[in-house]
């Protein structure tokens, strides 16, 4: 009985490691939960690289507007518990951000309660 429990425990740990490894490094996928607390950490004109550090992964590039001298790039993240982060970046700086929390509530950069 103890051998079965040990084997089951080890297999569960191994499968969790595989899932985490499969998503690690994939742009736009992170275990970070995006909610009101998260959006309060995001500041206007924050460097994109700094946002990547707090989000836990690079965003998936979902759009680019090249009409102006500094193109606007849109990024998307799927976070933990079905939360979502959408960000617009101009010249490497965050200009707009919106999260959809696990409870399906939307919070934006300018309306985060800061």
Protein backbone atom coordinates (compact mmCIF):
# COMPACT_ATOMS: atom_id res chain seq x y z
CA UNK A 1 0.00 0.00 0.00
CA UNK A 2 2.80 2.45 0.88
CA UNK A 3 4.56 1.68 -2.41
CA UNK A 4 1.40 2.51 -4.35
CA UNK A 5 0.97 5.81 -2.50
CA UNK A 6 4.62 6.69 -3.05
CA UNK A 7 4.40 5.82 -6.74
CA UNK A 8 1.21 7.84 -7.12
CA UNK A 9 2.71 10.82 -5.32
CA UNK A 10 5.86 10.72 -7.44
CA UNK A 11 3.86 10.46 -10.66
CA UNK A 12 1.71 13.46 -9.64
CA UNK A 13 4.80 15.53 -8.86
CA UNK A 14 6.39 14.53 -12.18
CA UNK A 15 3.25 15.40 -14.17
CA UNK A 16 3.02 18.81 -12.47
CA UNK A 17 6.64 19.47 -13.37
CA UNK A 18 5.94 18.53 -17.00
CA UNK A 19 2.98 20.91 -17.22
CA UNK A 20 4.99 23.75 -15.67
CA UNK A 21 7.92 23.06 -18.00
CA UNK A 22 5.64 22.94 -21.03
CA UNK A 23 4.29 26.43 -20.32
CA UNK A 24 7.54 27.94 -19.05
CA UNK A 25 8.99 30.34 -21.55
CA UNK A 26 5.92 30.42 -23.79
CA UNK A 27 5.05 34.04 -24.57
CA UNK A 28 1.67 35.02 -23.24
CA UNK A 29 1.28 32.18 -20.73
CA UNK A 30 1.99 32.52 -17.03
CA UNK A 31 0.74 31.28 -13.68
CA UNK A 32 0.47 34.85 -12.38
CA UNK A 33 -3.08 35.77 -11.40
CA UNK A 34 -4.13 39.07 -12.94
CA UNK A 35 -6.48 41.05 -10.70
CA UNK A 36 -6.88 44.48 -9.08
CA UNK A 37 -3.76 43.98 -6.94
CA UNK A 38 -1.73 43.16 -10.03
CA UNK A 39 -2.90 46.19 -12.05
CA UNK A 40 -1.94 48.44 -9.12
CA UNK A 41 1.67 47.34 -9.65
CA UNK A 42 1.58 48.47 -13.28
CA UNK A 43 2.48 52.14 -13.73
CA UNK A 44 2.05 54.37 -16.78
CA UNK A 45 5.28 54.54 -18.81
CA UNK A 46 6.67 51.46 -17.01
CA UNK A 47 9.28 49.74 -19.20
CA UNK A 48 7.93 46.63 -20.92
CA UNK A 49 10.86 44.59 -19.51
CA UNK A 50 9.83 45.51 -15.97
CA UNK A 51 6.25 44.41 -16.70
CA UNK A 52 7.54 41.09 -18.01
CA UNK A 53 9.33 40.52 -14.69
CA UNK A 54 6.19 41.02 -12.62
CA UNK A 55 3.97 39.11 -15.08
CA UNK A 56 6.33 36.13 -15.11
CA UNK A 57 6.59 35.75 -18.91
CA UNK A 58 6.80 37.78 -22.09
CA UNK A 59 3.49 38.70 -23.63
CA UNK A 60 2.20 37.22 -26.86
CA UNK A 61 2.33 39.92 -29.52
CA UNK A 62 -1.22 40.29 -30.85
CA UNK A 63 -1.02 43.50 -32.84
CA UNK A 64 1.16 46.32 -34.08
CA UNK A 65 0.28 49.77 -35.38
CA UNK A 66 3.17 51.17 -37.43
CA UNK A 67 1.60 54.48 -38.54
CA UNK A 68 3.47 56.70 -36.09
CA UNK A 69 7.21 57.16 -35.52
CA UNK A 70 6.90 55.06 -32.35
CA UNK A 71 4.80 51.98 -33.20
CA UNK A 72 2.15 50.80 -30.74
CA UNK A 73 2.42 47.09 -29.94
CA UNK A 74 -0.36 45.09 -28.26
CA UNK A 75 0.51 42.16 -25.98
CA UNK A 76 -1.72 39.52 -24.35
CA UNK A 77 -1.19 37.16 -21.41
CA UNK A 78 -3.31 34.24 -20.18
CA UNK A 79 -2.75 34.06 -16.44
CA UNK A 80 -3.62 31.76 -13.58
CA UNK A 81 -7.26 30.93 -12.79
CA UNK A 82 -8.38 32.12 -16.26
CA UNK A 83 -7.28 35.71 -15.72
CA UNK A 84 -6.09 37.88 -18.61
CA UNK A 85 -3.75 40.83 -19.12
CA UNK A 86 -3.81 43.04 -22.22
CA UNK A 87 -1.22 45.80 -22.65
CA UNK A 88 -0.34 48.44 -25.25
CA UNK A 89 3.29 49.50 -25.46
CA UNK A 90 4.77 52.52 -27.27
CA UNK A 91 8.54 52.97 -27.55
CA UNK A 92 9.08 50.17 -25.01
CA UNK A 93 6.81 51.79 -22.38
CA UNK A 94 3.39 50.68 -21.12
CA UNK A 95 0.71 53.20 -22.13
CA UNK A 96 -2.42 51.16 -21.42
CA UNK A 97 -3.18 47.98 -19.49
CA UNK A 98 -6.34 46.04 -18.70
CA UNK A 99 -6.79 42.90 -16.62
CA UNK A 100 -9.73 40.54 -16.51
CA UNK A 101 -9.74 38.92 -13.09
CA UNK A 102 -10.69 35.31 -12.29
CA UNK A 103 -14.12 36.70 -11.26
CA UNK A 104 -14.43 38.22 -14.77
CA UNK A 105 -14.07 41.79 -13.50
CA UNK A 106 -12.13 44.27 -15.62
CA UNK A 107 -9.60 46.70 -14.20
CA UNK A 108 -7.65 49.18 -16.28
CA UNK A 109 -4.48 51.15 -15.64
CA UNK A 110 -6.19 54.48 -15.17
CA UNK A 111 -9.07 53.04 -13.11
CA UNK A 112 -7.15 50.70 -10.79
CA UNK A 113 -7.78 52.67 -7.63
CA UNK A 114 -4.24 54.06 -7.34
